[in-house]
């Protein structure tokens, strides 16, 4: 975990993902927290791969969260 970007980690995962269980993202977030990081984990109920199962508004929220995260990273370049 020493190579984790200090600006943070955004994890968006569909809770109903048929290929990669949401538990994998939960475990990643737990490992990051135990290493002193502060990941932003968002599990999306009904979401499968490629956000299938989510409403248009929920997909738009995923994109908005991602853009917000990227903007925060750009505002705070890696030390």
PDB file of N, CA and C in Angstrom:
ATOM      1  N   UNK A   1       0.798  -1.193   0.000  1.00  0.00           N
ATOM      2  CA  UNK A   1       0.000   0.000   0.000  1.00  0.00           C
ATOM      3  C   UNK A   1       0.848   1.269   0.000  1.00  0.00           C
ATOM      4  N   UNK A   2       2.145   1.136   0.004  1.00  0.00           N
ATOM      5  CA  UNK A   2       3.004   2.318   0.043  1.00  0.00           C
ATOM      6  C   UNK A   2       2.960   3.086  -1.276  1.00  0.00           C
ATOM      7  N   UNK A   3       2.473   2.481  -2.354  1.00  0.00           N
ATOM      8  CA  UNK A   3       2.426   3.146  -3.651  1.00  0.00           C
ATOM      9  C   UNK A   3       1.069   3.788  -3.928  1.00  0.00           C
ATOM     10  N   UNK A   4       0.209   3.868  -2.933  1.00  0.00           N
ATOM     11  CA  UNK A   4      -1.100   4.482  -3.103  1.00  0.00           C
ATOM     12  C   UNK A   4      -0.925   5.994  -3.179  1.00  0.00           C
ATOM     13  N   UNK A   5      -1.570   6.603  -4.144  1.00  0.00           N
ATOM     14  CA  UNK A   5      -1.488   8.043  -4.319  1.00  0.00           C
ATOM     15  C   UNK A   5      -2.014   8.747  -3.072  1.00  0.00           C
ATOM     16  N   UNK A   6      -1.249   9.640  -2.494  1.00  0.00           N
ATOM     17  CA  UNK A   6      -1.680  10.306  -1.260  1.00  0.00           C
ATOM     18  C   UNK A   6      -2.896  11.201  -1.447  1.00  0.00           C
ATOM     19  N   UNK A   7      -3.256  11.503  -2.696  1.00  0.00           N
ATOM     20  CA  UNK A   7      -4.414  12.363  -2.936  1.00  0.00           C
ATOM     21  C   UNK A   7      -5.722  11.610  -2.736  1.00  0.00           C
ATOM     22  N   UNK A   8      -5.653  10.290  -2.636  1.00  0.00           N
ATOM     23  CA  UNK A   8      -6.855   9.529  -2.348  1.00  0.00           C
ATOM     24  C   UNK A   8      -7.162   8.454  -3.368  1.00  0.00           C
ATOM     25  N   UNK A   9      -8.210   7.711  -3.059  1.00  0.00           N
ATOM     26  CA  UNK A   9      -8.662   6.632  -3.924  1.00  0.00           C
ATOM     27  C   UNK A   9     -10.177   6.672  -3.974  1.00  0.00           C
ATOM     28  N   UNK A  10     -10.724   6.680  -5.174  1.00  0.00           N
ATOM     29  CA  UNK A  10     -12.160   6.622  -5.377  1.00  0.00           C
ATOM     30  C   UNK A  10     -12.511   5.226  -5.855  1.00  0.00           C
ATOM     31  N   UNK A  11     -13.432   4.578  -5.158  1.00  0.00           N
ATOM     32  CA  UNK A  11     -13.865   3.235  -5.536  1.00  0.00           C
ATOM     33  C   UNK A  11     -15.377   3.267  -5.732  1.00  0.00           C
ATOM     34  N   UNK A  12     -15.819   3.089  -6.966  1.00  0.00           N
ATOM     35  CA  UNK A  12     -17.237   2.987  -7.296  1.00  0.00           C
ATOM     36  C   UNK A  12     -17.475   1.550  -7.749  1.00  0.00           C
ATOM     37  N   UNK A  13     -18.437   0.880  -7.140  1.00  0.00           N
ATOM     38  CA  UNK A  13     -18.652  -0.533  -7.469  1.00  0.00           C
ATOM     39  C   UNK A  13     -20.132  -0.854  -7.412  1.00  0.00           C
ATOM     40  N   UNK A  14     -20.622  -1.502  -8.454  1.00  0.00           N
ATOM     41  CA  UNK A  14     -22.004  -1.952  -8.470  1.00  0.00           C
ATOM     42  C   UNK A  14     -22.196  -3.089  -7.479  1.00  0.00           C
ATOM     43  N   UNK A  15     -23.160  -2.941  -6.597  1.00  0.00           N
ATOM     44  CA  UNK A  15     -23.389  -3.954  -5.566  1.00  0.00           C
ATOM     45  C   UNK A  15     -23.867  -5.277  -6.159  1.00  0.00           C
ATOM     46  N   UNK A  16     -24.427  -5.233  -7.367  1.00  0.00           N
ATOM     47  CA  UNK A  16     -24.913  -6.454  -8.017  1.00  0.00           C
ATOM     48  C   UNK A  16     -24.013  -6.894  -9.169  1.00  0.00           C
ATOM     49  N   UNK A  17     -22.746  -6.519  -9.112  1.00  0.00           N
ATOM     50  CA  UNK A  17     -21.781  -6.886 -10.151  1.00  0.00           C
ATOM     51  C   UNK A  17     -21.698  -8.406 -10.240  1.00  0.00           C
ATOM     52  N   UNK A  18     -21.963  -8.943 -11.437  1.00  0.00           N
ATOM     53  CA  UNK A  18     -21.981 -10.391 -11.636  1.00  0.00           C
ATOM     54  C   UNK A  18     -20.587 -10.963 -11.900  1.00  0.00           C
ATOM     55  N   UNK A  19     -19.619 -10.113 -12.227  1.00  0.00           N
ATOM     56  CA  UNK A  19     -18.270 -10.599 -12.540  1.00  0.00           C
ATOM     57  C   UNK A  19     -17.289 -10.417 -11.387  1.00  0.00           C
ATOM     58  N   UNK A  20     -17.318  -9.251 -10.778  1.00  0.00           N
ATOM     59  CA  UNK A  20     -16.406  -8.950  -9.675  1.00  0.00           C
ATOM     60  C   UNK A  20     -17.269  -8.636  -8.447  1.00  0.00           C
ATOM     61  N   UNK A  21     -17.256  -9.492  -7.456  1.00  0.00           N
ATOM     62  CA  UNK A  21     -18.091  -9.256  -6.278  1.00  0.00           C
ATOM     63  C   UNK A  21     -17.754  -7.920  -5.603  1.00  0.00           C
ATOM     64  N   UNK A  22     -18.781  -7.226  -5.154  1.00  0.00           N
ATOM     65  CA  UNK A  22     -18.588  -5.952  -4.463  1.00  0.00           C
ATOM     66  C   UNK A  22     -17.682  -6.124  -3.243  1.00  0.00           C
ATOM     67  N   UNK A  23     -17.667  -7.319  -2.691  1.00  0.00           N
ATOM     68  CA  UNK A  23     -16.810  -7.600  -1.527  1.00  0.00           C
ATOM     69  C   UNK A  23     -15.340  -7.293  -1.834  1.00  0.00           C
ATOM     70  N   UNK A  24     -14.931  -7.425  -3.092  1.00  0.00           N
ATOM     71  CA  UNK A  24     -13.544  -7.125  -3.461  1.00  0.00           C
ATOM     72  C   UNK A  24     -13.221  -5.647  -3.218  1.00  0.00           C
ATOM     73  N   UNK A  25     -14.161  -4.774  -3.569  1.00  0.00           N
ATOM     74  CA  UNK A  25     -13.944  -3.344  -3.329  1.00  0.00           C
ATOM     75  C   UNK A  25     -13.984  -3.024  -1.839  1.00  0.00           C
ATOM     76  N   UNK A  26     -14.843  -3.715  -1.114  1.00  0.00           N
ATOM     77  CA  UNK A  26     -14.904  -3.527   0.333  1.00  0.00           C
ATOM     78  C   UNK A  26     -13.575  -3.928   0.960  1.00  0.00           C
ATOM     79  N   UNK A  27     -13.035  -5.062   0.530  1.00  0.00           N
ATOM     80  CA  UNK A  27     -11.748  -5.527   1.056  1.00  0.00           C
ATOM     81  C   UNK A  27     -10.629  -4.546   0.718  1.00  0.00           C
ATOM     82  N   UNK A  28     -10.646  -4.007  -0.513  1.00  0.00           N
ATOM     83  CA  UNK A  28      -9.638  -3.022  -0.912  1.00  0.00           C
ATOM     84  C   UNK A  28      -9.729  -1.789  -0.012  1.00  0.00           C
ATOM     85  N   UNK A  29     -10.928  -1.283   0.199  1.00  0.00           N
ATOM     86  CA  UNK A  29     -11.106  -0.105   1.048  1.00  0.00           C
ATOM     87  C   UNK A  29     -10.639  -0.389   2.471  1.00  0.00           C
ATOM     88  N   UNK A  30     -10.949  -1.561   2.992  1.00  0.00           N
ATOM     89  CA  UNK A  30     -10.501  -1.931   4.337  1.00  0.00           C
ATOM     90  C   UNK A  30      -8.980  -1.972   4.421  1.00  0.00           C
ATOM     91  N   UNK A  31      -8.349  -2.558   3.396  1.00  0.00           N
ATOM     92  CA  UNK A  31      -6.881  -2.636   3.384  1.00  0.00           C
ATOM     93  C   UNK A  31      -6.267  -1.238   3.306  1.00  0.00           C
ATOM     94  N   UNK A  32      -6.844  -0.373   2.498  1.00  0.00           N
ATOM     95  CA  UNK A  32      -6.338   0.996   2.397  1.00  0.00           C
ATOM     96  C   UNK A  32      -6.477   1.724   3.732  1.00  0.00           C
ATOM     97  N   UNK A  33      -7.623   1.559   4.377  1.00  0.00           N
ATOM     98  CA  UNK A  33      -7.824   2.209   5.680  1.00  0.00           C
ATOM     99  C   UNK A  33      -6.826   1.684   6.713  1.00  0.00           C
ATOM    100  N   UNK A  34      -6.598   0.384   6.709  1.00  0.00           N
ATOM    101  CA  UNK A  34      -5.669  -0.177   7.699  1.00  0.00           C
ATOM    102  C   UNK A  34      -4.236   0.290   7.443  1.00  0.00           C
ATOM    103  N   UNK A  35      -3.963   0.729   6.217  1.00  0.00           N
ATOM    104  CA  UNK A  35      -2.634   1.254   5.887  1.00  0.00           C
ATOM    105  C   UNK A  35      -2.574   2.772   6.068  1.00  0.00           C
ATOM    106  N   UNK A  36      -3.649   3.350   6.615  1.00  0.00           N
ATOM    107  CA  UNK A  36      -3.635   4.773   6.902  1.00  0.00           C
ATOM    108  C   UNK A  36      -4.194   5.671   5.818  1.00  0.00           C
ATOM    109  N   UNK A  37      -4.787   5.093   4.794  1.00  0.00           N
ATOM    110  CA  UNK A  37      -5.363   5.889   3.701  1.00  0.00           C
ATOM    111  C   UNK A  37      -6.850   6.102   3.953  1.00  0.00           C
ATOM    112  N   UNK A  38      -7.452   6.985   3.161  1.00  0.00           N
ATOM    113  CA  UNK A  38      -8.858   7.331   3.342  1.00  0.00           C
ATOM    114  C   UNK A  38      -9.605   7.194   2.016  1.00  0.00           C
ATOM    115  N   UNK A  39      -9.880   5.961   1.598  1.00  0.00           N
ATOM    116  CA  UNK A  39     -10.567   5.772   0.322  1.00  0.00           C
ATOM    117  C   UNK A  39     -12.023   6.231   0.396  1.00  0.00           C
ATOM    118  N   UNK A  40     -12.533   6.648  -0.742  1.00  0.00           N
ATOM    119  CA  UNK A  40     -13.942   6.998  -0.875  1.00  0.00           C
ATOM    120  C   UNK A  40     -14.608   5.811  -1.577  1.00  0.00           C
ATOM    121  N   UNK A  41     -15.310   4.982  -0.813  1.00  0.00           N
ATOM    122  CA  UNK A  41     -15.973   3.789  -1.337  1.00  0.00           C
ATOM    123  C   UNK A  41     -17.457   4.068  -1.486  1.00  0.00           C
ATOM    124  N   UNK A  42     -17.977   3.811  -2.674  1.00  0.00           N
ATOM    125  CA  UNK A  42     -19.404   3.964  -2.920  1.00  0.00           C
ATOM    126  C   UNK A  42     -19.904   2.691  -3.602  1.00  0.00           C
ATOM    127  N   UNK A  43     -20.731   1.939  -2.889  1.00  0.00           N
ATOM    128  CA  UNK A  43     -21.371   0.755  -3.463  1.00  0.00           C
ATOM    129  C   UNK A  43     -22.728   1.175  -4.009  1.00  0.00           C
ATOM    130  N   UNK A  44     -22.990   0.803  -5.246  1.00  0.00           N
ATOM    131  CA  UNK A  44     -24.197   1.249  -5.927  1.00  0.00           C
ATOM    132  C   UNK A  44     -25.207   0.105  -6.021  1.00  0.00           C
ATOM    133  N   UNK A  45     -26.251   0.149  -5.187  1.00  0.00           N
ATOM    134  CA  UNK A  45     -27.267  -0.912  -5.205  1.00  0.00           C
ATOM    135  C   UNK A  45     -27.878  -1.059  -6.601  1.00  0.00           C
ATOM    136  N   UNK A  46     -27.970  -2.292  -7.068  1.00  0.00           N
ATOM    137  CA  UNK A  46     -28.558  -2.573  -8.377  1.00  0.00           C
ATOM    138  C   UNK A  46     -27.584  -2.473  -9.526  1.00  0.00           C
ATOM    139  N   UNK A  47     -26.372  -1.972  -9.268  1.00  0.00           N
ATOM    140  CA  UNK A  47     -25.399  -1.770 -10.340  1.00  0.00           C
ATOM    141  C   UNK A  47     -24.646  -3.043 -10.691  1.00  0.00           C
ATOM    142  N   UNK A  48     -24.515  -3.283 -11.989  1.00  0.00           N
ATOM    143  CA  UNK A  48     -23.756  -4.406 -12.518  1.00  0.00           C
ATOM    144  C   UNK A  48     -22.612  -3.822 -13.336  1.00  0.00           C
ATOM    145  N   UNK A  49     -21.942  -4.620 -14.146  1.00  0.00           N
ATOM    146  CA  UNK A  49     -20.872  -4.138 -15.011  1.00  0.00           C
ATOM    147  C   UNK A  49     -21.402  -3.031 -15.920  1.00  0.00           C
ATOM    148  N   UNK A  50     -20.556  -2.031 -16.155  1.00  0.00           N
ATOM    149  CA  UNK A  50     -20.876  -0.881 -17.022  1.00  0.00           C
ATOM    150  C   UNK A  50     -22.100  -0.128 -16.547  1.00  0.00           C
ATOM    151  N   UNK A  51     -22.394  -0.214 -15.256  1.00  0.00           N
ATOM    152  CA  UNK A  51     -23.506   0.476 -14.597  1.00  0.00           C
ATOM    153  C   UNK A  51     -24.870   0.006 -15.081  1.00  0.00           C
ATOM    154  N   UNK A  52     -24.928  -1.179 -15.708  1.00  0.00           N
ATOM    155  CA  UNK A  52     -26.223  -1.752 -16.089  1.00  0.00           C
ATOM    156  C   UNK A  52     -27.040  -1.931 -14.813  1.00  0.00           C
ATOM    157  N   UNK A  53     -28.286  -1.545 -14.864  1.00  0.00           N
ATOM    158  CA  UNK A  53     -29.165  -1.668 -13.709  1.00  0.00           C
ATOM    159  C   UNK A  53     -29.340  -0.372 -12.936  1.00  0.00           C
ATOM    160  N   UNK A  54     -28.528   0.634 -13.264  1.00  0.00           N
ATOM    161  CA  UNK A  54     -28.658   1.928 -12.601  1.00  0.00           C
ATOM    162  C   UNK A  54     -29.512   2.867 -13.451  1.00  0.00           C
ATOM    163  N   UNK A  55     -30.160   3.808 -12.791  1.00  0.00           N
ATOM    164  CA  UNK A  55     -30.924   4.822 -13.520  1.00  0.00           C
ATOM    165  C   UNK A  55     -29.953   5.804 -14.175  1.00  0.00           C
ATOM    166  N   UNK A  56     -30.463   6.576 -15.120  1.00  0.00           N
ATOM    167  CA  UNK A  56     -29.623   7.595 -15.756  1.00  0.00           C
ATOM    168  C   UNK A  56     -29.056   8.553 -14.722  1.00  0.00           C
ATOM    169  N   UNK A  57     -29.856   8.905 -13.729  1.00  0.00           N
ATOM    170  CA  UNK A  57     -29.403   9.826 -12.689  1.00  0.00           C
ATOM    171  C   UNK A  57     -28.263   9.211 -11.872  1.00  0.00           C
ATOM    172  N   UNK A  58     -28.354   7.926 -11.582  1.00  0.00           N
ATOM    173  CA  UNK A  58     -27.295   7.256 -10.814  1.00  0.00           C
ATOM    174  C   UNK A  58     -25.999   7.168 -11.622  1.00  0.00           C
ATOM    175  N   UNK A  59     -26.127   6.911 -12.928  1.00  0.00           N
ATOM    176  CA  UNK A  59     -24.936   6.869 -13.784  1.00  0.00           C
ATOM    177  C   UNK A  59     -24.316   8.261 -13.856  1.00  0.00           C
ATOM    178  N   UNK A  60     -25.150   9.277 -13.998  1.00  0.00           N
ATOM    179  CA  UNK A  60     -24.641  10.649 -14.031  1.00  0.00           C
ATOM    180  C   UNK A  60     -23.921  10.982 -12.725  1.00  0.00           C
ATOM    181  N   UNK A  61     -24.442  10.502 -11.598  1.00  0.00           N
ATOM    182  CA  UNK A  61     -23.787  10.725 -10.315  1.00  0.00           C
ATOM    183  C   UNK A  61     -22.408  10.062 -10.281  1.00  0.00           C
ATOM    184  N   UNK A  62     -22.291   8.872 -10.860  1.00  0.00           N
ATOM    185  CA  UNK A  62     -20.980   8.201 -10.934  1.00  0.00           C
ATOM    186  C   UNK A  62     -19.981   9.051 -11.706  1.00  0.00           C
ATOM    187  N   UNK A  63     -20.421   9.573 -12.841  1.00  0.00           N
ATOM    188  CA  UNK A  63     -19.538  10.427 -13.636  1.00  0.00           C
ATOM    189  C   UNK A  63     -19.192  11.708 -12.874  1.00  0.00           C
ATOM    190  N   UNK A  64     -20.165  12.295 -12.204  1.00  0.00           N
ATOM    191  CA  UNK A  64     -19.911  13.518 -11.437  1.00  0.00           C
ATOM    192  C   UNK A  64     -18.917  13.263 -10.310  1.00  0.00           C
ATOM    193  N   UNK A  65     -19.074  12.138  -9.611  1.00  0.00           N
ATOM    194  CA  UNK A  65     -18.133  11.790  -8.537  1.00  0.00           C
ATOM    195  C   UNK A  65     -16.723  11.616  -9.098  1.00  0.00           C
ATOM    196  N   UNK A  66     -16.638  10.954 -10.251  1.00  0.00           N
ATOM    197  CA  UNK A  66     -15.338  10.716 -10.875  1.00  0.00           C
ATOM    198  C   UNK A  66     -14.688  12.027 -11.293  1.00  0.00           C
ATOM    199  N   UNK A  67     -15.458  12.902 -11.941  1.00  0.00           N
ATOM    200  CA  UNK A  67     -14.904  14.199 -12.353  1.00  0.00           C
ATOM    201  C   UNK A  67     -14.491  15.033 -11.148  1.00  0.00           C
ATOM    202  N   UNK A  68     -15.295  15.014 -10.094  1.00  0.00           N
ATOM    203  CA  UNK A  68     -14.932  15.745  -8.879  1.00  0.00           C
ATOM    204  C   UNK A  68     -13.641  15.228  -8.285  1.00  0.00           C
ATOM    205  N   UNK A  69     -13.490  13.911  -8.265  1.00  0.00           N
ATOM    206  CA  UNK A  69     -12.270  13.302  -7.743  1.00  0.00           C
ATOM    207  C   UNK A  69     -11.060  13.722  -8.587  1.00  0.00           C
ATOM    208  N   UNK A  70     -11.202  13.654  -9.904  1.00  0.00           N
ATOM    209  CA  UNK A  70     -10.097  14.024 -10.794  1.00  0.00           C
ATOM    210  C   UNK A  70      -9.736  15.500 -10.654  1.00  0.00           C
ATOM    211  N   UNK A  71     -10.745  16.348 -10.479  1.00  0.00           N
ATOM    212  CA  UNK A  71     -10.471  17.779 -10.280  1.00  0.00           C
ATOM    213  C   UNK A  71      -9.704  18.001  -8.980  1.00  0.00           C
ATOM    214  N   UNK A  72     -10.103  17.300  -7.917  1.00  0.00           N
ATOM    215  CA  UNK A  72      -9.386  17.446  -6.648  1.00  0.00           C
ATOM    216  C   UNK A  72      -7.928  16.999  -6.805  1.00  0.00           C
ATOM    217  N   UNK A  73      -7.725  15.918  -7.556  1.00  0.00           N
ATOM    218  CA  UNK A  73      -6.351  15.437  -7.781  1.00  0.00           C
ATOM    219  C   UNK A  73      -5.550  16.448  -8.581  1.00  0.00           C
ATOM    220  N   UNK A  74      -6.176  17.056  -9.581  1.00  0.00           N
ATOM    221  CA  UNK A  74      -5.481  18.040 -10.410  1.00  0.00           C
ATOM    222  C   UNK A  74      -5.146  19.296  -9.612  1.00  0.00           C
ATOM    223  N   UNK A  75      -6.021  19.638  -8.660  1.00  0.00           N
ATOM    224  CA  UNK A  75      -5.793  20.831  -7.830  1.00  0.00           C
ATOM    225  C   UNK A  75      -4.675  20.608  -6.813  1.00  0.00           C
ATOM    226  N   UNK A  76      -4.382  19.354  -6.521  1.00  0.00           N
ATOM    227  CA  UNK A  76      -3.351  19.004  -5.537  1.00  0.00           C
ATOM    228  C   UNK A  76      -2.381  18.008  -6.159  1.00  0.00           C
ATOM    229  N   UNK A  77      -1.455  18.501  -7.002  1.00  0.00           N
ATOM    230  CA  UNK A  77      -0.508  17.589  -7.658  1.00  0.00           C
ATOM    231  C   UNK A  77       0.248  16.722  -6.636  1.00  0.00           C
ATOM    232  N   UNK A  78       0.623  15.557  -7.119  1.00  0.00           N
ATOM    233  CA  UNK A  78       1.353  14.604  -6.251  1.00  0.00           C
ATOM    234  C   UNK A  78       2.631  15.261  -5.750  1.00  0.00           C
ATOM    235  N   UNK A  79       2.914  15.100  -4.452  1.00  0.00           N
ATOM    236  CA  UNK A  79       4.137  15.721  -3.897  1.00  0.00           C
ATOM    237  C   UNK A  79       5.398  15.098  -4.456  1.00  0.00           C
TER     238      UNK A  79
END
